[in-house]
Amino acid sequence: MQTGLFWRRKQGKKAPQFPSHIKNAQIIEILLLLAERAWACAEQLSKENSTNEAHKQQHALARYKKAEAHAKKLRDSGAISADSETLTDARAYFGWISGNLALKMNNWRLALCNFFYIREFLQLLSNVGSSSHKAFLTRMFQDMDQKIHIVICRESNAKVSLK
């Protein structure tokens, strides 16, 4: 698949630039892959940083933020011309990325808000779709419950340590 997509590598320039001949489905697919790639790179950097070096943590955090930016573009482009199920998926994906980023940055309240938001979307999505899609959503719902529990525990521990 050739898209004619080009990149600007200088700082301060937004990338990628989408030519007008690319279909919205291709843009959505590209943005999803960019977000997943940035997230996977950040996860790998985090796992390789066993010595907790500050510059490596900052690099991983920058990649997490880049993944969030791509997910936001995905959500916004889905709002323009996607069907309702794709838009709901994109919103839930952005919430998941944002919640996990907030969790990595120890912003407990934002993480909790995002995870509750995703939970609502997962409930909406579980009413439509095939049985395999519903099974996937059930696993995601359980994952959200675990993350909500983690955030509540960490937030309460943070409050205890401040006293």
N, C-alpha and C. Protein backbone atom coordinates (compact mmCIF):
# COMPACT_ATOMS: atom_id res chain seq x y z
N MET A 1 0.85 -1.17 0.00
CA MET A 1 0.00 0.00 0.00
C MET A 1 0.90 1.23 0.00
N GLN A 2 0.73 2.07 -0.99
CA GLN A 2 1.52 3.29 -1.09
C GLN A 2 0.61 4.47 -0.79
N THR A 3 1.01 5.29 0.16
CA THR A 3 0.15 6.38 0.59
C THR A 3 0.64 7.75 0.18
N GLY A 4 1.91 7.87 -0.17
CA GLY A 4 2.46 9.18 -0.48
C GLY A 4 2.69 10.01 0.77
N LEU A 5 2.76 9.34 1.91
CA LEU A 5 2.96 9.99 3.19
C LEU A 5 4.39 10.47 3.31
N PHE A 6 4.61 11.68 3.79
CA PHE A 6 5.96 12.16 3.98
C PHE A 6 6.11 12.73 5.37
N TRP A 7 7.36 12.76 5.83
CA TRP A 7 7.67 13.18 7.19
C TRP A 7 8.50 14.45 7.17
N ARG A 8 8.32 15.26 8.19
CA ARG A 8 9.18 16.41 8.42
C ARG A 8 9.96 16.12 9.68
N ARG A 9 11.26 16.10 9.60
CA ARG A 9 12.07 15.63 10.70
C ARG A 9 12.56 16.75 11.61
N LYS A 10 12.38 18.01 11.25
CA LYS A 10 12.84 19.09 12.10
C LYS A 10 11.90 19.26 13.28
N GLN A 11 12.46 19.67 14.40
CA GLN A 11 11.63 19.87 15.58
C GLN A 11 10.65 21.01 15.34
N GLY A 12 9.50 20.89 15.90
CA GLY A 12 8.49 21.92 15.76
C GLY A 12 7.57 21.69 14.57
N LYS A 13 7.91 20.76 13.71
CA LYS A 13 7.06 20.45 12.55
C LYS A 13 6.20 19.25 12.90
N LYS A 14 4.96 19.31 12.48
CA LYS A 14 4.06 18.20 12.77
C LYS A 14 4.22 17.13 11.70
N ALA A 15 4.20 15.88 12.12
CA ALA A 15 4.30 14.76 11.19
C ALA A 15 3.27 13.73 11.61
N PRO A 16 2.74 12.95 10.75
CA PRO A 16 2.89 12.99 9.31
C PRO A 16 1.92 13.99 8.66
N GLN A 17 2.20 14.34 7.42
CA GLN A 17 1.32 15.18 6.64
C GLN A 17 0.54 14.23 5.72
N PHE A 18 -0.78 14.31 5.75
CA PHE A 18 -1.59 13.41 4.95
C PHE A 18 -2.06 14.10 3.67
N PRO A 19 -1.66 13.59 2.51
CA PRO A 19 -2.18 14.13 1.26
C PRO A 19 -3.69 13.89 1.17
N SER A 20 -4.36 14.68 0.36
CA SER A 20 -5.81 14.61 0.30
C SER A 20 -6.33 13.34 -0.37
N HIS A 21 -5.48 12.62 -1.14
CA HIS A 21 -5.96 11.42 -1.83
C HIS A 21 -6.02 10.18 -0.94
N ILE A 22 -5.51 10.26 0.28
CA ILE A 22 -5.56 9.11 1.17
C ILE A 22 -6.96 9.01 1.78
N LYS A 23 -7.50 7.81 1.76
CA LYS A 23 -8.83 7.59 2.32
C LYS A 23 -8.76 7.63 3.84
N ASN A 24 -9.89 7.96 4.46
CA ASN A 24 -9.93 8.06 5.91
C ASN A 24 -9.59 6.73 6.59
N ALA A 25 -9.99 5.61 5.99
CA ALA A 25 -9.68 4.30 6.57
C ALA A 25 -8.18 4.09 6.63
N GLN A 26 -7.46 4.54 5.61
CA GLN A 26 -6.01 4.40 5.60
C GLN A 26 -5.38 5.31 6.66
N ILE A 27 -5.90 6.51 6.80
CA ILE A 27 -5.38 7.43 7.81
C ILE A 27 -5.57 6.84 9.20
N ILE A 28 -6.74 6.28 9.46
CA ILE A 28 -7.01 5.67 10.75
C ILE A 28 -6.06 4.51 11.02
N GLU A 29 -5.84 3.69 9.99
CA GLU A 29 -4.93 2.56 10.15
C GLU A 29 -3.50 3.03 10.41
N ILE A 30 -3.06 4.05 9.68
CA ILE A 30 -1.70 4.58 9.87
C ILE A 30 -1.54 5.16 11.27
N LEU A 31 -2.52 5.94 11.71
CA LEU A 31 -2.43 6.54 13.04
C LEU A 31 -2.43 5.48 14.14
N LEU A 32 -3.22 4.44 13.97
CA LEU A 32 -3.22 3.36 14.95
C LEU A 32 -1.86 2.67 15.00
N LEU A 33 -1.28 2.41 13.84
CA LEU A 33 0.05 1.78 13.81
C LEU A 33 1.11 2.69 14.41
N LEU A 34 1.04 3.99 14.15
CA LEU A 34 2.00 4.92 14.73
C LEU A 34 1.88 4.95 16.25
N ALA A 35 0.66 4.96 16.75
CA ALA A 35 0.45 4.96 18.20
C ALA A 35 0.97 3.67 18.83
N GLU A 36 0.64 2.55 18.21
CA GLU A 36 1.10 1.26 18.74
C GLU A 36 2.61 1.15 18.70
N ARG A 37 3.21 1.65 17.63
CA ARG A 37 4.67 1.61 17.50
C ARG A 37 5.34 2.45 18.58
N ALA A 38 4.84 3.65 18.80
CA ALA A 38 5.42 4.52 19.83
C ALA A 38 5.24 3.90 21.21
N TRP A 39 4.06 3.31 21.47
CA TRP A 39 3.81 2.69 22.77
C TRP A 39 4.73 1.49 22.99
N ALA A 40 4.89 0.66 21.97
CA ALA A 40 5.76 -0.51 22.09
C ALA A 40 7.21 -0.10 22.32
N CYS A 41 7.64 0.94 21.64
CA CYS A 41 9.01 1.44 21.83
C CYS A 41 9.19 1.94 23.27
N ALA A 42 8.20 2.66 23.78
CA ALA A 42 8.27 3.16 25.15
C ALA A 42 8.30 2.01 26.16
N GLU A 43 7.50 1.00 25.93
CA GLU A 43 7.49 -0.17 26.82
C GLU A 43 8.85 -0.86 26.81
N GLN A 44 9.44 -0.99 25.62
CA GLN A 44 10.76 -1.63 25.53
C GLN A 44 11.81 -0.80 26.24
N LEU A 45 11.77 0.52 26.05
CA LEU A 45 12.72 1.39 26.75
C LEU A 45 12.57 1.29 28.26
N SER A 46 11.34 1.22 28.73
CA SER A 46 11.09 1.10 30.17
C SER A 46 11.63 -0.21 30.73
N LYS A 47 11.44 -1.29 29.99
CA LYS A 47 11.92 -2.59 30.46
C LYS A 47 13.43 -2.68 30.43
N GLU A 48 14.06 -2.04 29.44
CA GLU A 48 15.52 -2.08 29.35
C GLU A 48 16.19 -1.18 30.38
N ASN A 49 15.47 -0.24 30.95
CA ASN A 49 16.03 0.70 31.91
C ASN A 49 15.98 0.11 33.32
N SER A 50 16.82 -0.87 33.57
CA SER A 50 16.83 -1.52 34.88
C SER A 50 17.53 -0.69 35.94
N THR A 51 18.38 0.25 35.49
CA THR A 51 19.14 1.07 36.45
C THR A 51 18.44 2.38 36.78
N ASN A 52 17.26 2.59 36.23
CA ASN A 52 16.47 3.80 36.46
C ASN A 52 17.24 5.09 36.15
N GLU A 53 17.90 5.11 35.00
CA GLU A 53 18.60 6.30 34.56
C GLU A 53 17.59 7.35 34.12
N ALA A 54 17.81 8.58 34.53
CA ALA A 54 16.84 9.65 34.29
C ALA A 54 16.62 9.93 32.81
N HIS A 55 17.69 9.97 32.03
CA HIS A 55 17.52 10.30 30.61
C HIS A 55 16.78 9.20 29.86
N LYS A 56 16.95 7.96 30.28
CA LYS A 56 16.21 6.86 29.65
C LYS A 56 14.74 6.91 30.03
N GLN A 57 14.47 7.27 31.28
CA GLN A 57 13.07 7.42 31.70
C GLN A 57 12.40 8.55 30.94
N GLN A 58 13.11 9.65 30.73
CA GLN A 58 12.56 10.78 29.98
C GLN A 58 12.30 10.41 28.53
N HIS A 59 13.21 9.62 27.95
CA HIS A 59 13.03 9.17 26.57
C HIS A 59 11.79 8.29 26.47
N ALA A 60 11.63 7.37 27.39
CA ALA A 60 10.45 6.51 27.38
C ALA A 60 9.17 7.33 27.58
N LEU A 61 9.22 8.29 28.48
CA LEU A 61 8.06 9.15 28.72
C LEU A 61 7.70 9.95 27.47
N ALA A 62 8.71 10.41 26.74
CA ALA A 62 8.46 11.14 25.50
C ALA A 62 7.78 10.24 24.47
N ARG A 63 8.18 8.98 24.42
CA ARG A 63 7.54 8.04 23.49
C ARG A 63 6.10 7.74 23.91
N TYR A 64 5.85 7.64 25.22
CA TYR A 64 4.47 7.46 25.69
C TYR A 64 3.61 8.66 25.28
N LYS A 65 4.16 9.86 25.42
CA LYS A 65 3.42 11.06 25.05
C LYS A 65 3.18 11.12 23.54
N LYS A 66 4.14 10.63 22.77
CA LYS A 66 3.96 10.58 21.32
C LYS A 66 2.84 9.60 20.96
N ALA A 67 2.79 8.48 21.65
CA ALA A 67 1.71 7.52 21.41
C ALA A 67 0.37 8.15 21.74
N GLU A 68 0.32 8.92 22.82
CA GLU A 68 -0.93 9.60 23.18
C GLU A 68 -1.32 10.63 22.12
N ALA A 69 -0.34 11.34 21.56
CA ALA A 69 -0.64 12.33 20.52
C ALA A 69 -1.20 11.64 19.27
N HIS A 70 -0.63 10.50 18.89
CA HIS A 70 -1.15 9.76 17.74
C HIS A 70 -2.55 9.23 18.02
N ALA A 71 -2.78 8.77 19.24
CA ALA A 71 -4.12 8.27 19.60
C ALA A 71 -5.14 9.41 19.59
N LYS A 72 -4.72 10.60 19.98
CA LYS A 72 -5.62 11.75 19.93
C LYS A 72 -5.97 12.10 18.49
N LYS A 73 -4.96 12.06 17.60
CA LYS A 73 -5.22 12.31 16.18
C LYS A 73 -6.16 11.23 15.62
N LEU A 74 -5.97 10.00 16.08
CA LEU A 74 -6.85 8.91 15.66
C LEU A 74 -8.28 9.17 16.08
N ARG A 75 -8.45 9.57 17.33
CA ARG A 75 -9.79 9.89 17.83
C ARG A 75 -10.42 11.04 17.05
N ASP A 76 -9.63 12.08 16.80
CA ASP A 76 -10.15 13.24 16.09
C ASP A 76 -10.48 12.94 14.63
N SER A 77 -9.64 12.14 13.97
CA SER A 77 -9.93 11.80 12.57
C SER A 77 -11.12 10.85 12.48
N GLY A 78 -11.32 10.02 13.50
CA GLY A 78 -12.50 9.16 13.53
C GLY A 78 -13.77 9.95 13.71
N ALA A 79 -13.68 11.07 14.41
CA ALA A 79 -14.86 11.90 14.64
C ALA A 79 -15.33 12.58 13.35
N ILE A 80 -14.41 12.75 12.41
CA ILE A 80 -14.76 13.44 11.17
C ILE A 80 -15.60 12.56 10.25
N SER A 81 -15.12 11.34 9.99
CA SER A 81 -15.83 10.56 8.97
C SER A 81 -15.85 9.05 9.23
N ALA A 82 -15.84 8.63 10.47
CA ALA A 82 -15.90 7.20 10.76
C ALA A 82 -17.30 6.83 11.23
N ASP A 83 -17.61 5.53 11.16
CA ASP A 83 -18.90 5.10 11.67
C ASP A 83 -18.88 5.13 13.20
N SER A 84 -20.03 4.95 13.81
CA SER A 84 -20.15 5.13 15.26
C SER A 84 -19.34 4.09 16.04
N GLU A 85 -19.26 2.86 15.55
CA GLU A 85 -18.51 1.83 16.27
C GLU A 85 -17.01 2.13 16.23
N THR A 86 -16.51 2.56 15.07
CA THR A 86 -15.09 2.91 14.95
C THR A 86 -14.76 4.11 15.81
N LEU A 87 -15.66 5.09 15.84
CA LEU A 87 -15.45 6.27 16.67
C LEU A 87 -15.42 5.89 18.14
N THR A 88 -16.30 5.01 18.56
CA THR A 88 -16.32 4.57 19.95
C THR A 88 -15.04 3.82 20.29
N ASP A 89 -14.59 2.96 19.36
CA ASP A 89 -13.32 2.25 19.56
C ASP A 89 -12.16 3.24 19.68
N ALA A 90 -12.14 4.26 18.83
CA ALA A 90 -11.06 5.24 18.86
C ALA A 90 -11.07 6.04 20.16
N ARG A 91 -12.25 6.39 20.63
CA ARG A 91 -12.34 7.12 21.90
C ARG A 91 -11.87 6.26 23.07
N ALA A 92 -12.26 4.99 23.06
CA ALA A 92 -11.83 4.08 24.12
C ALA A 92 -10.32 3.87 24.07
N TYR A 93 -9.77 3.76 22.87
CA TYR A 93 -8.32 3.58 22.70
C TYR A 93 -7.57 4.79 23.23
N PHE A 94 -8.04 5.99 22.89
CA PHE A 94 -7.40 7.20 23.39
C PHE A 94 -7.49 7.27 24.91
N GLY A 95 -8.63 6.91 25.46
CA GLY A 95 -8.77 6.90 26.92
C GLY A 95 -7.83 5.92 27.57
N TRP A 96 -7.65 4.75 26.93
CA TRP A 96 -6.74 3.73 27.47
C TRP A 96 -5.31 4.23 27.46
N ILE A 97 -4.90 4.81 26.34
CA ILE A 97 -3.53 5.35 26.23
C ILE A 97 -3.34 6.48 27.25
N SER A 98 -4.30 7.39 27.34
CA SER A 98 -4.19 8.52 28.27
C SER A 98 -4.17 8.05 29.72
N GLY A 99 -5.01 7.07 30.04
CA GLY A 99 -5.04 6.54 31.40
C GLY A 99 -3.73 5.88 31.79
N ASN A 100 -3.17 5.09 30.87
CA ASN A 100 -1.90 4.44 31.16
C ASN A 100 -0.76 5.44 31.25
N LEU A 101 -0.79 6.48 30.42
CA LEU A 101 0.23 7.52 30.52
C LEU A 101 0.12 8.24 31.87
N ALA A 102 -1.10 8.56 32.27
CA ALA A 102 -1.30 9.21 33.57
C ALA A 102 -0.82 8.30 34.71
N LEU A 103 -1.04 7.01 34.56
CA LEU A 103 -0.57 6.05 35.56
C LEU A 103 0.96 6.05 35.63
N LYS A 104 1.63 6.11 34.47
CA LYS A 104 3.09 6.15 34.43
C LYS A 104 3.63 7.44 35.04
N MET A 105 2.86 8.53 34.92
CA MET A 105 3.29 9.83 35.44
C MET A 105 2.82 10.08 36.87
N ASN A 106 2.22 9.06 37.49
CA ASN A 106 1.71 9.12 38.86
C ASN A 106 0.62 10.18 39.04
N ASN A 107 -0.15 10.42 38.00
CA ASN A 107 -1.29 11.32 38.06
C ASN A 107 -2.53 10.44 38.28
N TRP A 108 -2.77 10.11 39.54
CA TRP A 108 -3.76 9.10 39.89
C TRP A 108 -5.18 9.51 39.51
N ARG A 109 -5.52 10.74 39.77
CA ARG A 109 -6.90 11.19 39.50
C ARG A 109 -7.23 11.15 38.01
N LEU A 110 -6.31 11.62 37.18
CA LEU A 110 -6.53 11.58 35.74
C LEU A 110 -6.62 10.14 35.24
N ALA A 111 -5.75 9.28 35.77
CA ALA A 111 -5.78 7.87 35.38
C ALA A 111 -7.12 7.24 35.76
N LEU A 112 -7.58 7.54 36.96
CA LEU A 112 -8.85 6.97 37.41
C LEU A 112 -10.01 7.46 36.55
N CYS A 113 -10.02 8.75 36.24
CA CYS A 113 -11.07 9.30 35.36
C CYS A 113 -11.06 8.62 34.00
N ASN A 114 -9.87 8.45 33.43
CA ASN A 114 -9.78 7.80 32.12
C ASN A 114 -10.22 6.35 32.17
N PHE A 115 -9.85 5.64 33.22
CA PHE A 115 -10.24 4.23 33.30
C PHE A 115 -11.74 4.06 33.50
N PHE A 116 -12.36 4.95 34.28
CA PHE A 116 -13.82 4.89 34.40
C PHE A 116 -14.49 5.23 33.08
N TYR A 117 -13.91 6.18 32.34
CA TYR A 117 -14.41 6.58 31.04
C TYR A 117 -14.35 5.39 30.07
N ILE A 118 -13.23 4.69 30.06
CA ILE A 118 -13.07 3.53 29.19
C ILE A 118 -14.05 2.44 29.56
N ARG A 119 -14.24 2.26 30.85
CA ARG A 119 -15.17 1.24 31.32
C ARG A 119 -16.57 1.47 30.76
N GLU A 120 -17.00 2.73 30.73
CA GLU A 120 -18.31 3.06 30.16
C GLU A 120 -18.36 2.72 28.67
N PHE A 121 -17.29 3.06 27.95
CA PHE A 121 -17.25 2.74 26.53
C PHE A 121 -17.26 1.24 26.29
N LEU A 122 -16.55 0.50 27.12
CA LEU A 122 -16.52 -0.96 26.96
C LEU A 122 -17.91 -1.54 27.19
N GLN A 123 -18.66 -0.98 28.13
CA GLN A 123 -20.03 -1.44 28.34
C GLN A 123 -20.89 -1.16 27.12
N LEU A 124 -20.70 0.01 26.50
CA LEU A 124 -21.45 0.34 25.29
C LEU A 124 -21.09 -0.60 24.15
N LEU A 125 -19.81 -0.86 23.99
CA LEU A 125 -19.36 -1.71 22.89
C LEU A 125 -19.74 -3.18 23.07
N SER A 126 -19.88 -3.61 24.31
CA SER A 126 -20.20 -5.02 24.54
C SER A 126 -21.62 -5.38 24.10
N ASN A 127 -22.45 -4.38 23.86
CA ASN A 127 -23.82 -4.63 23.42
C ASN A 127 -23.91 -4.92 21.93
N VAL A 128 -22.86 -4.62 21.17
CA VAL A 128 -22.86 -4.85 19.72
C VAL A 128 -21.67 -5.72 19.36
N GLY A 129 -21.73 -6.33 18.18
CA GLY A 129 -20.59 -7.08 17.69
C GLY A 129 -20.73 -8.59 17.84
N SER A 130 -19.71 -9.28 17.37
CA SER A 130 -19.70 -10.74 17.37
C SER A 130 -19.33 -11.28 18.75
N SER A 131 -19.41 -12.59 18.89
CA SER A 131 -19.09 -13.21 20.18
C SER A 131 -17.59 -13.10 20.48
N SER A 132 -16.73 -13.18 19.47
CA SER A 132 -15.29 -13.04 19.71
C SER A 132 -14.96 -11.60 20.13
N HIS A 133 -15.67 -10.63 19.54
CA HIS A 133 -15.47 -9.23 19.92
C HIS A 133 -15.94 -9.03 21.36
N LYS A 134 -17.04 -9.66 21.73
CA LYS A 134 -17.54 -9.53 23.11
C LYS A 134 -16.58 -10.17 24.10
N ALA A 135 -15.95 -11.29 23.72
CA ALA A 135 -14.98 -11.94 24.59
C ALA A 135 -13.77 -11.04 24.80
N PHE A 136 -13.32 -10.39 23.73
CA PHE A 136 -12.21 -9.44 23.83
C PHE A 136 -12.58 -8.29 24.75
N LEU A 137 -13.78 -7.76 24.60
CA LEU A 137 -14.22 -6.64 25.42
C LEU A 137 -14.36 -7.05 26.89
N THR A 138 -14.75 -8.28 27.12
CA THR A 138 -14.84 -8.78 28.51
C THR A 138 -13.46 -8.80 29.15
N ARG A 139 -12.45 -9.25 28.39
CA ARG A 139 -11.08 -9.24 28.91
C ARG A 139 -10.60 -7.81 29.17
N MET A 140 -10.92 -6.91 28.26
CA MET A 140 -10.55 -5.50 28.45
C MET A 140 -11.24 -4.92 29.68
N PHE A 141 -12.50 -5.28 29.87
CA PHE A 141 -13.27 -4.80 31.03
C PHE A 141 -12.62 -5.27 32.32
N GLN A 142 -12.19 -6.54 32.35
CA GLN A 142 -11.50 -7.07 33.54
C GLN A 142 -10.17 -6.35 33.76
N ASP A 143 -9.47 -6.05 32.67
CA ASP A 143 -8.21 -5.31 32.77
C ASP A 143 -8.46 -3.92 33.34
N MET A 144 -9.53 -3.27 32.92
CA MET A 144 -9.86 -1.94 33.45
C MET A 144 -10.17 -2.01 34.94
N ASP A 145 -10.89 -3.04 35.36
CA ASP A 145 -11.18 -3.20 36.79
C ASP A 145 -9.89 -3.36 37.59
N GLN A 146 -8.92 -4.12 37.06
CA GLN A 146 -7.64 -4.28 37.74
C GLN A 146 -6.89 -2.97 37.82
N LYS A 147 -6.89 -2.23 36.72
CA LYS A 147 -6.18 -0.94 36.71
C LYS A 147 -6.84 0.05 37.65
N ILE A 148 -8.15 0.07 37.71
CA ILE A 148 -8.86 0.95 38.64
C ILE A 148 -8.49 0.60 40.07
N HIS A 149 -8.41 -0.69 40.37
CA HIS A 149 -8.02 -1.14 41.70
C HIS A 149 -6.59 -0.71 42.02
N ILE A 150 -5.69 -0.83 41.04
CA ILE A 150 -4.29 -0.42 41.23
C ILE A 150 -4.22 1.08 41.52
N VAL A 151 -4.95 1.87 40.75
CA VAL A 151 -4.91 3.32 40.93
C VAL A 151 -5.45 3.71 42.29
N ILE A 152 -6.54 3.09 42.71
CA ILE A 152 -7.12 3.41 44.02
C ILE A 152 -6.14 3.05 45.14
N CYS A 153 -5.48 1.89 45.01
CA CYS A 153 -4.50 1.49 46.02
C CYS A 153 -3.30 2.44 46.05
N ARG A 154 -2.80 2.81 44.88
CA ARG A 154 -1.64 3.71 44.83
C ARG A 154 -2.00 5.10 45.34
N GLU A 155 -3.19 5.56 45.01
CA GLU A 155 -3.60 6.88 45.47
C GLU A 155 -3.75 6.91 46.99
N SER A 156 -4.32 5.83 47.55
CA SER A 156 -4.47 5.80 49.00
C SER A 156 -3.11 5.67 49.69
N ASN A 157 -2.17 4.91 49.06
CA ASN A 157 -0.81 4.82 49.64
C ASN A 157 -0.09 6.15 49.55
N ALA A 158 -0.30 6.90 48.49
CA ALA A 158 0.33 8.21 48.34
C ALA A 158 -0.19 9.17 49.40
N LYS A 159 -1.48 9.10 49.70
CA LYS A 159 -2.05 9.97 50.72
C LYS A 159 -1.52 9.62 52.10
N VAL A 160 -1.33 8.33 52.37
CA VAL A 160 -0.81 7.88 53.65
C VAL A 160 0.63 8.34 53.83
N SER A 161 1.44 8.28 52.75
CA SER A 161 2.84 8.65 52.87
C SER A 161 3.02 10.17 53.02
N LEU A 162 2.03 10.95 52.58
CA LEU A 162 2.12 12.40 52.74
C LEU A 162 1.84 12.86 54.16
N LYS A 163 1.12 12.06 54.92
CA LYS A 163 0.74 12.46 56.29
C LYS A 163 1.85 12.29 57.27
